[in-house]
Amino acid sequence: MTARTTIQVDEEALKMLERMKKERGVSSYSDLVKQLIREVKIIEKSEKGSLPGLKSFKREKIDRFD
């Protein structure tokens, strides 16, 4: 069995978590927090340039309009 703990959040954060929990259809705050952490990790990975399918950038011959 996993140990349980309590975290403190202000009322605004609690309302946001409650709303997101309903929107995402998750059964617990723990599941919601895990989802959010996974999403952040995926974003961080893509921001570090790990997009293997992305074609390399080539500048066009005419890149300015005068």
Protein backbone atom coordinates (compact mmCIF):
# COMPACT_ATOMS: atom_id res chain seq x y z
CA MET A 1 0.00 0.00 0.00
CA THR A 2 1.23 3.49 -0.86
CA ALA A 3 1.71 5.94 1.99
CA ARG A 4 -0.73 8.84 2.00
CA THR A 5 0.17 12.45 2.72
CA THR A 6 -1.47 15.85 2.82
CA ILE A 7 -0.40 18.93 0.89
CA GLN A 8 -1.52 22.47 1.49
CA VAL A 9 -2.91 24.62 -1.31
CA ASP A 10 -4.81 27.86 -1.19
CA GLU A 11 -8.52 28.03 -2.05
CA GLU A 12 -7.90 29.26 -5.59
CA ALA A 13 -5.60 26.31 -6.35
CA LEU A 14 -8.12 23.90 -4.83
CA LYS A 15 -10.91 25.29 -7.04
CA MET A 16 -8.68 24.95 -10.10
CA LEU A 17 -7.82 21.35 -9.18
CA GLU A 18 -11.48 20.51 -8.60
CA ARG A 19 -12.43 21.97 -11.99
CA MET A 20 -9.62 20.13 -13.79
CA LYS A 21 -10.48 16.87 -12.03
CA LYS A 22 -14.04 17.08 -13.39
CA GLU A 23 -12.92 18.18 -16.87
CA ARG A 24 -10.47 15.30 -17.20
CA GLY A 25 -12.74 12.73 -15.60
CA VAL A 26 -10.17 11.48 -13.10
CA SER A 27 -11.21 9.95 -9.81
CA SER A 28 -8.58 11.44 -7.51
CA TYR A 29 -6.35 14.45 -7.08
CA SER A 30 -3.39 12.09 -7.12
CA ASP A 31 -4.30 10.91 -10.64
CA LEU A 32 -4.76 14.52 -11.76
CA VAL A 33 -1.37 15.59 -10.40
CA LYS A 34 0.30 12.59 -12.10
CA GLN A 35 -1.32 13.54 -15.44
CA LEU A 36 -0.17 17.15 -15.11
CA ILE A 37 3.39 16.10 -14.26
CA ARG A 38 3.53 13.77 -17.27
CA GLU A 39 2.31 16.56 -19.56
CA VAL A 40 4.93 18.98 -18.26
CA LYS A 41 7.68 16.41 -18.76
CA ILE A 42 6.58 15.85 -22.38
CA ILE A 43 6.60 19.60 -23.04
CA GLU A 44 10.07 19.97 -21.52
CA LYS A 45 11.35 17.17 -23.71
CA SER A 46 10.00 18.74 -26.91
CA GLU A 47 11.37 22.15 -25.96
CA LYS A 48 14.87 20.69 -25.84
CA GLY A 49 14.82 19.96 -29.57
CA SER A 50 13.93 16.28 -29.49
CA LEU A 51 11.61 16.33 -32.49
CA PRO A 52 13.11 13.66 -34.76
CA GLY A 53 10.51 14.07 -37.50
CA LEU A 54 11.15 17.77 -37.93
CA LYS A 55 12.88 18.67 -41.20
CA SER A 56 15.94 20.88 -41.01
CA PHE A 57 15.42 24.58 -41.60
CA LYS A 58 16.57 26.05 -44.93
CA ARG A 59 16.36 29.76 -45.56
CA GLU A 60 14.68 30.86 -48.78
CA LYS A 61 16.76 32.81 -51.28
CA ILE A 62 14.48 35.81 -50.94
CA ASP A 63 13.69 36.28 -47.29
CA ARG A 64 12.94 40.01 -47.16
CA PHE A 65 10.59 42.35 -48.92
CA ASP A 66 11.79 45.87 -49.61
